[in-house]
Amino acid sequence: MPVKLQNSFKKFGVSFEMLEEKELLPKHIDSRGIIAGYFDKH
């Protein structure tokens, strides 16, 4: 999700922590295709 939503969940009492990311592989890019517009806009 976008980082700004992290604060919204904190108000509910749930603290989401960022996960360490490594370089995307082709399979990750392909997986995003079903809703590519969401990844393009955010």
PDB file of all heavy atoms in Angstrom:
ATOM      1  N   MET A   1       0.834  -1.195   0.000  1.00  0.00           N
ATOM      2  CA  MET A   1       0.000   0.000   0.000  1.00  0.00           C
ATOM      3  C   MET A   1       0.875   1.253   0.000  1.00  0.00           C
ATOM      4  O   MET A   1       2.075   1.188   0.303  1.00  0.00           O
ATOM      5  CB  MET A   1      -0.923   0.007   1.213  1.00  0.00           C
ATOM      6  CG  MET A   1      -0.215   0.047   2.551  1.00  0.00           C
ATOM      7  SD  MET A   1      -1.383  -0.082   3.938  1.00  0.00           S
ATOM      8  CE  MET A   1      -0.248  -0.001   5.337  1.00  0.00           C
ATOM      9  N   PRO A   2       0.272   2.411  -0.328  1.00  0.00           N
ATOM     10  CA  PRO A   2       1.021   3.676  -0.216  1.00  0.00           C
ATOM     11  C   PRO A   2       1.405   3.940   1.232  1.00  0.00           C
ATOM     12  O   PRO A   2       0.679   3.570   2.162  1.00  0.00           O
ATOM     13  CB  PRO A   2       0.013   4.726  -0.726  1.00  0.00           C
ATOM     14  CG  PRO A   2      -0.957   3.960  -1.582  1.00  0.00           C
ATOM     15  CD  PRO A   2      -1.054   2.606  -0.931  1.00  0.00           C
ATOM     16  N   VAL A   3       2.525   4.610   1.423  1.00  0.00           N
ATOM     17  CA  VAL A   3       3.028   4.867   2.765  1.00  0.00           C
ATOM     18  C   VAL A   3       2.027   5.656   3.598  1.00  0.00           C
ATOM     19  O   VAL A   3       1.909   5.442   4.811  1.00  0.00           O
ATOM     20  CB  VAL A   3       4.381   5.616   2.690  1.00  0.00           C
ATOM     21  CG1 VAL A   3       4.856   6.021   4.091  1.00  0.00           C
ATOM     22  CG2 VAL A   3       5.426   4.738   2.025  1.00  0.00           C
ATOM     23  N   LYS A   4       1.273   6.572   2.975  1.00  0.00           N
ATOM     24  CA  LYS A   4       0.341   7.407   3.743  1.00  0.00           C
ATOM     25  C   LYS A   4      -0.724   6.566   4.461  1.00  0.00           C
ATOM     26  O   LYS A   4      -1.251   6.977   5.500  1.00  0.00           O
ATOM     27  CB  LYS A   4      -0.335   8.441   2.841  1.00  0.00           C
ATOM     28  CG  LYS A   4      -1.234   7.858   1.768  1.00  0.00           C
ATOM     29  CD  LYS A   4      -1.870   8.962   0.931  1.00  0.00           C
ATOM     30  CE  LYS A   4      -2.807   8.401  -0.128  1.00  0.00           C
ATOM     31  NZ  LYS A   4      -3.435   9.476  -0.937  1.00  0.00           N
ATOM     32  N   LEU A   5      -1.041   5.390   3.921  1.00  0.00           N
ATOM     33  CA  LEU A   5      -2.030   4.541   4.575  1.00  0.00           C
ATOM     34  C   LEU A   5      -1.468   3.851   5.807  1.00  0.00           C
ATOM     35  O   LEU A   5      -2.222   3.372   6.655  1.00  0.00           O
ATOM     36  CB  LEU A   5      -2.567   3.504   3.590  1.00  0.00           C
ATOM     37  CG  LEU A   5      -3.374   4.065   2.412  1.00  0.00           C
ATOM     38  CD1 LEU A   5      -3.879   2.934   1.536  1.00  0.00           C
ATOM     39  CD2 LEU A   5      -4.549   4.914   2.910  1.00  0.00           C
ATOM     40  N   GLN A   6      -0.163   3.823   5.916  1.00  0.00           N
ATOM     41  CA  GLN A   6       0.468   3.249   7.108  1.00  0.00           C
ATOM     42  C   GLN A   6       0.017   4.006   8.350  1.00  0.00           C
ATOM     43  O   GLN A   6      -0.266   3.402   9.394  1.00  0.00           O
ATOM     44  CB  GLN A   6       1.992   3.326   6.958  1.00  0.00           C
ATOM     45  CG  GLN A   6       2.788   2.607   8.013  1.00  0.00           C
ATOM     46  CD  GLN A   6       4.286   2.727   7.755  1.00  0.00           C
ATOM     47  OE1 GLN A   6       4.758   3.676   7.110  1.00  0.00           O
ATOM     48  NE2 GLN A   6       5.052   1.777   8.249  1.00  0.00           N
ATOM     49  N   ASN A   7      -0.080   5.328   8.234  1.00  0.00           N
ATOM     50  CA  ASN A   7      -0.514   6.145   9.377  1.00  0.00           C
ATOM     51  C   ASN A   7      -1.978   5.908   9.716  1.00  0.00           C
ATOM     52  O   ASN A   7      -2.376   5.973  10.877  1.00  0.00           O
ATOM     53  CB  ASN A   7      -0.269   7.621   9.077  1.00  0.00           C
ATOM     54  CG  ASN A   7       1.203   7.962   9.028  1.00  0.00           C
ATOM     55  OD1 ASN A   7       2.010   7.363   9.740  1.00  0.00           O
ATOM     56  ND2 ASN A   7       1.572   8.920   8.189  1.00  0.00           N
ATOM     57  N   SER A   8      -2.796   5.637   8.689  1.00  0.00           N
ATOM     58  CA  SER A   8      -4.212   5.363   8.940  1.00  0.00           C
ATOM     59  C   SER A   8      -4.380   4.113   9.785  1.00  0.00           C
ATOM     60  O   SER A   8      -5.211   4.075  10.708  1.00  0.00           O
ATOM     61  CB  SER A   8      -4.960   5.214   7.612  1.00  0.00           C
ATOM     62  OG  SER A   8      -4.931   6.420   6.874  1.00  0.00           O
ATOM     63  N   PHE A   9      -3.618   3.081   9.483  1.00  0.00           N
ATOM     64  CA  PHE A   9      -3.703   1.855  10.275  1.00  0.00           C
ATOM     65  C   PHE A   9      -3.153   2.058  11.686  1.00  0.00           C
ATOM     66  O   PHE A   9      -3.620   1.429  12.634  1.00  0.00           O
ATOM     67  CB  PHE A   9      -2.962   0.717   9.573  1.00  0.00           C
ATOM     68  CG  PHE A   9      -3.784   0.000   8.547  1.00  0.00           C
ATOM     69  CD1 PHE A   9      -3.638   0.267   7.202  1.00  0.00           C
ATOM     70  CD2 PHE A   9      -4.732  -0.945   8.925  1.00  0.00           C
ATOM     71  CE1 PHE A   9      -4.411  -0.386   6.253  1.00  0.00           C
ATOM     72  CE2 PHE A   9      -5.506  -1.607   7.988  1.00  0.00           C
ATOM     73  CZ  PHE A   9      -5.347  -1.324   6.646  1.00  0.00           C
ATOM     74  N   LYS A  10      -2.174   2.941  11.846  1.00  0.00           N
ATOM     75  CA  LYS A  10      -1.648   3.208  13.188  1.00  0.00           C
ATOM     76  C   LYS A  10      -2.730   3.776  14.089  1.00  0.00           C
ATOM     77  O   LYS A  10      -2.769   3.490  15.290  1.00  0.00           O
ATOM     78  CB  LYS A  10      -0.467   4.176  13.090  1.00  0.00           C
ATOM     79  CG  LYS A  10       0.839   3.519  12.678  1.00  0.00           C
ATOM     80  CD  LYS A  10       1.978   4.515  12.695  1.00  0.00           C
ATOM     81  CE  LYS A  10       3.279   3.829  12.273  1.00  0.00           C
ATOM     82  NZ  LYS A  10       4.423   4.793  12.253  1.00  0.00           N
ATOM     83  N   LYS A  11      -3.629   4.572  13.522  1.00  0.00           N
ATOM     84  CA  LYS A  11      -4.724   5.142  14.308  1.00  0.00           C
ATOM     85  C   LYS A  11      -5.678   4.054  14.779  1.00  0.00           C
ATOM     86  O   LYS A  11      -6.361   4.207  15.790  1.00  0.00           O
ATOM     87  CB  LYS A  11      -5.465   6.188  13.479  1.00  0.00           C
ATOM     88  CG  LYS A  11      -4.638   7.431  13.210  1.00  0.00           C
ATOM     89  CD  LYS A  11      -5.393   8.416  12.334  1.00  0.00           C
ATOM     90  CE  LYS A  11      -4.549   9.655  12.076  1.00  0.00           C
ATOM     91  NZ  LYS A  11      -5.228  10.637  11.201  1.00  0.00           N
ATOM     92  N   PHE A  12      -5.721   2.966  14.040  1.00  0.00           N
ATOM     93  CA  PHE A  12      -6.547   1.826  14.432  1.00  0.00           C
ATOM     94  C   PHE A  12      -5.829   0.956  15.452  1.00  0.00           C
ATOM     95  O   PHE A  12      -6.418   0.107  16.107  1.00  0.00           O
ATOM     96  CB  PHE A  12      -6.891   1.021  13.176  1.00  0.00           C
ATOM     97  CG  PHE A  12      -7.658  -0.249  13.438  1.00  0.00           C
ATOM     98  CD1 PHE A  12      -8.918  -0.214  14.006  1.00  0.00           C
ATOM     99  CD2 PHE A  12      -7.124  -1.488  13.114  1.00  0.00           C
ATOM    100  CE1 PHE A  12      -9.617  -1.388  14.254  1.00  0.00           C
ATOM    101  CE2 PHE A  12      -7.815  -2.658  13.348  1.00  0.00           C
ATOM    102  CZ  PHE A  12      -9.073  -2.599  13.925  1.00  0.00           C
ATOM    103  N   GLY A  13      -4.525   1.182  15.598  1.00  0.00           N
ATOM    104  CA  GLY A  13      -3.737   0.415  16.554  1.00  0.00           C
ATOM    105  C   GLY A  13      -2.880  -0.654  15.923  1.00  0.00           C
ATOM    106  O   GLY A  13      -2.276  -1.460  16.624  1.00  0.00           O
ATOM    107  N   VAL A  14      -2.818  -0.687  14.591  1.00  0.00           N
ATOM    108  CA  VAL A  14      -2.028  -1.694  13.883  1.00  0.00           C
ATOM    109  C   VAL A  14      -0.821  -1.012  13.246  1.00  0.00           C
ATOM    110  O   VAL A  14      -0.972  -0.112  12.425  1.00  0.00           O
ATOM    111  CB  VAL A  14      -2.856  -2.398  12.792  1.00  0.00           C
ATOM    112  CG1 VAL A  14      -2.000  -3.435  12.059  1.00  0.00           C
ATOM    113  CG2 VAL A  14      -4.086  -3.057  13.404  1.00  0.00           C
ATOM    114  N   SER A  15       0.368  -1.422  13.640  1.00  0.00           N
ATOM    115  CA  SER A  15       1.596  -0.825  13.117  1.00  0.00           C
ATOM    116  C   SER A  15       2.202  -1.721  12.048  1.00  0.00           C
ATOM    117  O   SER A  15       2.746  -2.792  12.350  1.00  0.00           O
ATOM    118  CB  SER A  15       2.608  -0.610  14.256  1.00  0.00           C
ATOM    119  OG  SER A  15       2.120   0.337  15.182  1.00  0.00           O
ATOM    120  N   PHE A  16       2.076  -1.287  10.809  1.00  0.00           N
ATOM    121  CA  PHE A  16       2.709  -2.008   9.703  1.00  0.00           C
ATOM    122  C   PHE A  16       4.141  -1.502   9.550  1.00  0.00           C
ATOM    123  O   PHE A  16       4.387  -0.295   9.507  1.00  0.00           O
ATOM    124  CB  PHE A  16       1.942  -1.790   8.405  1.00  0.00           C
ATOM    125  CG  PHE A  16       0.721  -2.657   8.263  1.00  0.00           C
ATOM    126  CD1 PHE A  16      -0.543  -2.156   8.538  1.00  0.00           C
ATOM    127  CD2 PHE A  16       0.843  -3.981   7.859  1.00  0.00           C
ATOM    128  CE1 PHE A  16      -1.663  -2.965   8.421  1.00  0.00           C
ATOM    129  CE2 PHE A  16      -0.274  -4.790   7.730  1.00  0.00           C
ATOM    130  CZ  PHE A  16      -1.534  -4.278   8.017  1.00  0.00           C
ATOM    131  N   GLU A  17       5.069  -2.443   9.444  1.00  0.00           N
ATOM    132  CA  GLU A  17       6.478  -2.118   9.272  1.00  0.00           C
ATOM    133  C   GLU A  17       6.900  -2.444   7.840  1.00  0.00           C
ATOM    134  O   GLU A  17       6.463  -3.437   7.262  1.00  0.00           O
ATOM    135  CB  GLU A  17       7.341  -2.913  10.260  1.00  0.00           C
ATOM    136  CG  GLU A  17       6.950  -2.726  11.728  1.00  0.00           C
ATOM    137  CD  GLU A  17       7.183  -1.313  12.220  1.00  0.00           C
ATOM    138  OE1 GLU A  17       8.047  -0.614  11.632  1.00  0.00           O
ATOM    139  OE2 GLU A  17       6.508  -0.903  13.191  1.00  0.00           O
ATOM    140  N   MET A  18       7.756  -1.585   7.291  1.00  0.00           N
ATOM    141  CA  MET A  18       8.264  -1.806   5.937  1.00  0.00           C
ATOM    142  C   MET A  18       9.082  -3.096   5.886  1.00  0.00           C
ATOM    143  O   MET A  18       9.872  -3.381   6.796  1.00  0.00           O
ATOM    144  CB  MET A  18       9.165  -0.648   5.510  1.00  0.00           C
ATOM    145  CG  MET A  18       8.466   0.680   5.474  1.00  0.00           C
ATOM    146  SD  MET A  18       7.578   0.921   3.937  1.00  0.00           S
ATOM    147  CE  MET A  18       7.230   2.678   4.088  1.00  0.00           C
ATOM    148  N   LEU A  19       8.887  -3.851   4.833  1.00  0.00           N
ATOM    149  CA  LEU A  19       9.695  -5.040   4.599  1.00  0.00           C
ATOM    150  C   LEU A  19      10.912  -4.677   3.746  1.00  0.00           C
ATOM    151  O   LEU A  19      10.830  -3.821   2.861  1.00  0.00           O
ATOM    152  CB  LEU A  19       8.872  -6.107   3.877  1.00  0.00           C
ATOM    153  CG  LEU A  19       7.826  -6.838   4.724  1.00  0.00           C
ATOM    154  CD1 LEU A  19       6.892  -7.639   3.829  1.00  0.00           C
ATOM    155  CD2 LEU A  19       8.485  -7.746   5.751  1.00  0.00           C
ATOM    156  N   GLU A  20      12.020  -5.327   4.032  1.00  0.00           N
ATOM    157  CA  GLU A  20      13.213  -5.129   3.216  1.00  0.00           C
ATOM    158  C   GLU A  20      12.952  -5.654   1.801  1.00  0.00           C
ATOM    159  O   GLU A  20      12.464  -6.767   1.628  1.00  0.00           O
ATOM    160  CB  GLU A  20      14.400  -5.868   3.837  1.00  0.00           C
ATOM    161  CG  GLU A  20      15.687  -5.739   3.042  1.00  0.00           C
ATOM    162  CD  GLU A  20      16.825  -6.573   3.605  1.00  0.00           C
ATOM    163  OE1 GLU A  20      16.709  -7.018   4.777  1.00  0.00           O
ATOM    164  OE2 GLU A  20      17.816  -6.791   2.878  1.00  0.00           O
ATOM    165  N   GLU A  21      13.282  -4.821   0.822  1.00  0.00           N
ATOM    166  CA  GLU A  21      13.036  -5.196  -0.567  1.00  0.00           C
ATOM    167  C   GLU A  21      14.347  -5.494  -1.293  1.00  0.00           C
ATOM    168  O   GLU A  21      15.369  -4.823  -1.076  1.00  0.00           O
ATOM    169  CB  GLU A  21      12.311  -4.074  -1.313  1.00  0.00           C
ATOM    170  CG  GLU A  21      10.911  -3.796  -0.820  1.00  0.00           C
ATOM    171  CD  GLU A  21      10.210  -2.753  -1.677  1.00  0.00           C
ATOM    172  OE1 GLU A  21       9.959  -3.033  -2.877  1.00  0.00           O
ATOM    173  OE2 GLU A  21       9.927  -1.664  -1.154  1.00  0.00           O
ATOM    174  N   LYS A  22      14.294  -6.483  -2.157  1.00  0.00           N
ATOM    175  CA  LYS A  22      15.399  -6.785  -3.045  1.00  0.00           C
ATOM    176  C   LYS A  22      14.963  -6.484  -4.479  1.00  0.00           C
ATOM    177  O   LYS A  22      13.806  -6.167  -4.735  1.00  0.00           O
ATOM    178  CB  LYS A  22      15.806  -8.253  -2.897  1.00  0.00           C
ATOM    179  CG  LYS A  22      16.296  -8.609  -1.494  1.00  0.00           C
ATOM    180  CD  LYS A  22      16.888 -10.002  -1.438  1.00  0.00           C
ATOM    181  CE  LYS A  22      15.829 -11.073  -1.623  1.00  0.00           C
ATOM    182  NZ  LYS A  22      16.364 -12.451  -1.441  1.00  0.00           N
ATOM    183  N   GLU A  23      15.873  -6.580  -5.405  1.00  0.00           N
ATOM    184  CA  GLU A  23      15.569  -6.255  -6.800  1.00  0.00           C
ATOM    185  C   GLU A  23      14.466  -7.168  -7.337  1.00  0.00           C
ATOM    186  O   GLU A  23      14.470  -8.388  -7.093  1.00  0.00           O
ATOM    187  CB  GLU A  23      16.828  -6.412  -7.658  1.00  0.00           C
ATOM    188  CG  GLU A  23      16.625  -6.007  -9.110  1.00  0.00           C
ATOM    189  CD  GLU A  23      17.896  -6.106  -9.922  1.00  0.00           C
ATOM    190  OE1 GLU A  23      18.960  -6.391  -9.327  1.00  0.00           O
ATOM    191  OE2 GLU A  23      17.836  -5.898 -11.147  1.00  0.00           O
ATOM    192  N   LEU A  24      13.530  -6.554  -8.054  1.00  0.00           N
ATOM    193  CA  LEU A  24      12.432  -7.329  -8.619  1.00  0.00           C
ATOM    194  C   LEU A  24      12.940  -8.295  -9.685  1.00  0.00           C
ATOM    195  O   LEU A  24      13.836  -7.981 -10.468  1.00  0.00           O
ATOM    196  CB  LEU A  24      11.390  -6.402  -9.250  1.00  0.00           C
ATOM    197  CG  LEU A  24      10.614  -5.486  -8.301  1.00  0.00           C
ATOM    198  CD1 LEU A  24       9.697  -4.570  -9.111  1.00  0.00           C
ATOM    199  CD2 LEU A  24       9.806  -6.289  -7.301  1.00  0.00           C
ATOM    200  N   LEU A  25      12.340  -9.469  -9.698  1.00  0.00           N
ATOM    201  CA  LEU A  25      12.605 -10.455 -10.732  1.00  0.00           C
ATOM    202  C   LEU A  25      11.487 -10.385 -11.773  1.00  0.00           C
ATOM    203  O   LEU A  25      10.416  -9.828 -11.518  1.00  0.00           O
ATOM    204  CB  LEU A  25      12.672 -11.847 -10.118  1.00  0.00           C
ATOM    205  CG  LEU A  25      13.740 -12.056  -9.028  1.00  0.00           C
ATOM    206  CD1 LEU A  25      13.614 -13.460  -8.443  1.00  0.00           C
ATOM    207  CD2 LEU A  25      15.130 -11.824  -9.586  1.00  0.00           C
ATOM    208  N   PRO A  26      11.694 -10.938 -12.952  1.00  0.00           N
ATOM    209  CA  PRO A  26      10.643 -10.908 -13.977  1.00  0.00           C
ATOM    210  C   PRO A  26       9.301 -11.448 -13.489  1.00  0.00           C
ATOM    211  O   PRO A  26       8.250 -10.934 -13.865  1.00  0.00           O
ATOM    212  CB  PRO A  26      11.228 -11.777 -15.094  1.00  0.00           C
ATOM    213  CG  PRO A  26      12.710 -11.585 -14.962  1.00  0.00           C
ATOM    214  CD  PRO A  26      12.955 -11.511 -13.483  1.00  0.00           C
ATOM    215  N   LYS A  27       9.340 -12.455 -12.620  1.00  0.00           N
ATOM    216  CA  LYS A  27       8.080 -13.029 -12.142  1.00  0.00           C
ATOM    217  C   LYS A  27       7.289 -12.028 -11.302  1.00  0.00           C
ATOM    218  O   LYS A  27       6.051 -12.051 -11.300  1.00  0.00           O
ATOM    219  CB  LYS A  27       8.337 -14.299 -11.333  1.00  0.00           C
ATOM    220  CG  LYS A  27       9.098 -14.096 -10.029  1.00  0.00           C
ATOM    221  CD  LYS A  27       9.284 -15.425  -9.284  1.00  0.00           C
ATOM    222  CE  LYS A  27      10.000 -15.224  -7.943  1.00  0.00           C
ATOM    223  NZ  LYS A  27      10.178 -16.515  -7.225  1.00  0.00           N
ATOM    224  N   HIS A  28       7.976 -11.140 -10.583  1.00  0.00           N
ATOM    225  CA  HIS A  28       7.285 -10.135  -9.789  1.00  0.00           C
ATOM    226  C   HIS A  28       6.626  -9.089 -10.681  1.00  0.00           C
ATOM    227  O   HIS A  28       5.491  -8.666 -10.440  1.00  0.00           O
ATOM    228  CB  HIS A  28       8.255  -9.452  -8.812  1.00  0.00           C
ATOM    229  CG  HIS A  28       8.909 -10.390  -7.857  1.00  0.00           C
ATOM    230  ND1 HIS A  28      10.267 -10.627  -7.867  1.00  0.00           N
ATOM    231  CD2 HIS A  28       8.395 -11.165  -6.869  1.00  0.00           C
ATOM    232  CE1 HIS A  28      10.571 -11.502  -6.916  1.00  0.00           C
ATOM    233  NE2 HIS A  28       9.450 -11.855  -6.302  1.00  0.00           N
ATOM    234  N   ILE A  29       7.327  -8.692 -11.715  1.00  0.00           N
ATOM    235  CA  ILE A  29       6.787  -7.712 -12.666  1.00  0.00           C
ATOM    236  C   ILE A  29       5.587  -8.298 -13.396  1.00  0.00           C
ATOM    237  O   ILE A  29       4.553  -7.637 -13.570  1.00  0.00           O
ATOM    238  CB  ILE A  29       7.884  -7.280 -13.652  1.00  0.00           C
ATOM    239  CG1 ILE A  29       9.012  -6.575 -12.881  1.00  0.00           C
ATOM    240  CG2 ILE A  29       7.300  -6.349 -14.719  1.00  0.00           C
ATOM    241  CD1 ILE A  29      10.230  -6.266 -13.719  1.00  0.00           C
ATOM    242  N   ASP A  30       5.686  -9.553 -13.795  1.00  0.00           N
ATOM    243  CA  ASP A  30       4.561 -10.212 -14.481  1.00  0.00           C
ATOM    244  C   ASP A  30       3.344 -10.294 -13.570  1.00  0.00           C
ATOM    245  O   ASP A  30       2.204 -10.116 -14.020  1.00  0.00           O
ATOM    246  CB  ASP A  30       4.974 -11.615 -14.932  1.00  0.00           C
ATOM    247  CG  ASP A  30       5.978 -11.598 -16.074  1.00  0.00           C
ATOM    248  OD1 ASP A  30       6.128 -10.541 -16.707  1.00  0.00           O
ATOM    249  OD2 ASP A  30       6.622 -12.634 -16.310  1.00  0.00           O
ATOM    250  N   SER A  31       3.568 -10.574 -12.297  1.00  0.00           N
ATOM    251  CA  SER A  31       2.460 -10.731 -11.356  1.00  0.00           C
ATOM    252  C   SER A  31       1.656  -9.451 -11.197  1.00  0.00           C
ATOM    253  O   SER A  31       0.454  -9.484 -10.903  1.00  0.00           O
ATOM    254  CB  SER A  31       2.996 -11.188  -9.989  1.00  0.00           C
ATOM    255  OG  SER A  31       1.965 -11.337  -9.051  1.00  0.00           O
ATOM    256  N   ARG A  32       2.301  -8.311 -11.404  1.00  0.00           N
ATOM    257  CA  ARG A  32       1.629  -7.020 -11.236  1.00  0.00           C
ATOM    258  C   ARG A  32       0.701  -6.683 -12.398  1.00  0.00           C
ATOM    259  O   ARG A  32      -0.093  -5.747 -12.309  1.00  0.00           O
ATOM    260  CB  ARG A  32       2.672  -5.908 -11.098  1.00  0.00           C
ATOM    261  CG  ARG A  32       3.574  -6.066  -9.886  1.00  0.00           C
ATOM    262  CD  ARG A  32       4.613  -4.962  -9.828  1.00  0.00           C
ATOM    263  NE  ARG A  32       5.430  -5.070  -8.623  1.00  0.00           N
ATOM    264  CZ  ARG A  32       6.166  -4.075  -8.141  1.00  0.00           C
ATOM    265  NH1 ARG A  32       6.179  -2.900  -8.766  1.00  0.00           N
ATOM    266  NH2 ARG A  32       6.878  -4.241  -7.042  1.00  0.00           N
ATOM    267  N   GLY A  33       0.793  -7.438 -13.465  1.00  0.00           N
ATOM    268  CA  GLY A  33       0.079  -7.101 -14.688  1.00  0.00           C
ATOM    269  C   GLY A  33      -1.428  -7.065 -14.551  1.00  0.00           C
ATOM    270  O   GLY A  33      -2.106  -6.325 -15.274  1.00  0.00           O
ATOM    271  N   ILE A  34      -1.994  -7.851 -13.623  1.00  0.00           N
ATOM    272  CA  ILE A  34      -3.451  -7.917 -13.517  1.00  0.00           C
ATOM    273  C   ILE A  34      -4.062  -6.578 -13.120  1.00  0.00           C
ATOM    274  O   ILE A  34      -5.206  -6.276 -13.459  1.00  0.00           O
ATOM    275  CB  ILE A  34      -3.885  -9.015 -12.524  1.00  0.00           C
ATOM    276  CG1 ILE A  34      -5.401  -9.213 -12.597  1.00  0.00           C
ATOM    277  CG2 ILE A  34      -3.464  -8.672 -11.105  1.00  0.00           C
ATOM    278  CD1 ILE A  34      -5.894 -10.418 -11.844  1.00  0.00           C
ATOM    279  N   ILE A  35      -3.283  -5.756 -12.428  1.00  0.00           N
ATOM    280  CA  ILE A  35      -3.778  -4.434 -12.051  1.00  0.00           C
ATOM    281  C   ILE A  35      -2.620  -3.437 -12.146  1.00  0.00           C
ATOM    282  O   ILE A  35      -2.285  -2.711 -11.206  1.00  0.00           O
ATOM    283  CB  ILE A  35      -4.427  -4.454 -10.658  1.00  0.00           C
ATOM    284  CG1 ILE A  35      -5.143  -3.147 -10.370  1.00  0.00           C
ATOM    285  CG2 ILE A  35      -3.447  -4.836  -9.578  1.00  0.00           C
ATOM    286  CD1 ILE A  35      -6.047  -3.178  -9.165  1.00  0.00           C
ATOM    287  N   ALA A  36      -2.033  -3.399 -13.317  1.00  0.00           N
ATOM    288  CA  ALA A  36      -0.852  -2.570 -13.541  1.00  0.00           C
ATOM    289  C   ALA A  36      -1.121  -1.097 -13.251  1.00  0.00           C
ATOM    290  O   ALA A  36      -0.231  -0.374 -12.789  1.00  0.00           O
ATOM    291  CB  ALA A  36      -0.367  -2.743 -14.980  1.00  0.00           C
ATOM    292  N   GLY A  37      -2.349  -0.640 -13.503  1.00  0.00           N
ATOM    293  CA  GLY A  37      -2.671   0.768 -13.276  1.00  0.00           C
ATOM    294  C   GLY A  37      -2.498   1.191 -11.836  1.00  0.00           C
ATOM    295  O   GLY A  37      -2.175   2.353 -11.552  1.00  0.00           O
ATOM    296  N   TYR A  38      -2.725   0.269 -10.912  1.00  0.00           N
ATOM    297  CA  TYR A  38      -2.576   0.582  -9.488  1.00  0.00           C
ATOM    298  C   TYR A  38      -1.111   0.838  -9.161  1.00  0.00           C
ATOM    299  O   TYR A  38      -0.770   1.776  -8.433  1.00  0.00           O
ATOM    300  CB  TYR A  38      -3.123  -0.573  -8.659  1.00  0.00           C
ATOM    301  CG  TYR A  38      -3.203  -0.307  -7.179  1.00  0.00           C
ATOM    302  CD1 TYR A  38      -3.872   0.806  -6.683  1.00  0.00           C
ATOM    303  CD2 TYR A  38      -2.622  -1.172  -6.252  1.00  0.00           C
ATOM    304  CE1 TYR A  38      -3.955   1.061  -5.321  1.00  0.00           C
ATOM    305  CE2 TYR A  38      -2.706  -0.937  -4.893  1.00  0.00           C
ATOM    306  CZ  TYR A  38      -3.377   0.176  -4.431  1.00  0.00           C
ATOM    307  OH  TYR A  38      -3.446   0.423  -3.084  1.00  0.00           O
ATOM    308  N   PHE A  39      -0.225   0.028  -9.721  1.00  0.00           N
ATOM    309  CA  PHE A  39       1.202   0.206  -9.496  1.00  0.00           C
ATOM    310  C   PHE A  39       1.725   1.441 -10.220  1.00  0.00           C
ATOM    311  O   PHE A  39       2.662   2.096  -9.752  1.00  0.00           O
ATOM    312  CB  PHE A  39       1.962  -1.041  -9.950  1.00  0.00           C
ATOM    313  CG  PHE A  39       1.775  -2.224  -9.047  1.00  0.00           C
ATOM    314  CD1 PHE A  39       0.725  -3.109  -9.245  1.00  0.00           C
ATOM    315  CD2 PHE A  39       2.638  -2.444  -7.983  1.00  0.00           C
ATOM    316  CE1 PHE A  39       0.547  -4.199  -8.404  1.00  0.00           C
ATOM    317  CE2 PHE A  39       2.472  -3.532  -7.134  1.00  0.00           C
ATOM    318  CZ  PHE A  39       1.414  -4.408  -7.348  1.00  0.00           C
ATOM    319  N   ASP A  40       1.118   1.780 -11.362  1.00  0.00           N
ATOM    320  CA  ASP A  40       1.535   2.968 -12.105  1.00  0.00           C
ATOM    321  C   ASP A  40       1.174   4.257 -11.374  1.00  0.00           C
ATOM    322  O   ASP A  40       1.914   5.241 -11.419  1.00  0.00           O
ATOM    323  CB  ASP A  40       0.885   2.985 -13.494  1.00  0.00           C
ATOM    324  CG  ASP A  40       1.411   1.883 -14.406  1.00  0.00           C
ATOM    325  OD1 ASP A  40       2.510   1.353 -14.118  1.00  0.00           O
ATOM    326  OD2 ASP A  40       0.723   1.548 -15.382  1.00  0.00           O
ATOM    327  N   LYS A  41       0.034   4.262 -10.700  1.00  0.00           N
ATOM    328  CA  LYS A  41      -0.474   5.484 -10.067  1.00  0.00           C
ATOM    329  C   LYS A  41       0.028   5.697  -8.642  1.00  0.00           C
ATOM    330  O   LYS A  41      -0.084   6.802  -8.104  1.00  0.00           O
ATOM    331  CB  LYS A  41      -2.007   5.475 -10.080  1.00  0.00           C
ATOM    332  CG  LYS A  41      -2.623   5.695 -11.446  1.00  0.00           C
ATOM    333  CD  LYS A  41      -4.137   5.627 -11.389  1.00  0.00           C
ATOM    334  CE  LYS A  41      -4.767   5.943 -12.736  1.00  0.00           C
ATOM    335  NZ  LYS A  41      -4.664   7.383 -13.071  1.00  0.00           N
ATOM    336  N   HIS A  42       0.537   4.663  -8.007  1.00  0.00           N
ATOM    337  CA  HIS A  42       0.951   4.778  -6.606  1.00  0.00           C
ATOM    338  C   HIS A  42       2.336   4.181  -6.398  1.00  0.00           C
ATOM    339  O   HIS A  42       2.724   3.219  -7.068  1.00  0.00           O
ATOM    340  CB  HIS A  42      -0.031   4.044  -5.689  1.00  0.00           C
ATOM    341  CG  HIS A  42      -1.429   4.579  -5.742  1.00  0.00           C
ATOM    342  ND1 HIS A  42      -1.809   5.750  -5.140  1.00  0.00           N
ATOM    343  CD2 HIS A  42      -2.544   4.080  -6.337  1.00  0.00           C
ATOM    344  CE1 HIS A  42      -3.091   5.967  -5.354  1.00  0.00           C
ATOM    345  NE2 HIS A  42      -3.568   4.965  -6.068  1.00  0.00           N
TER     346      HIS A  42
END
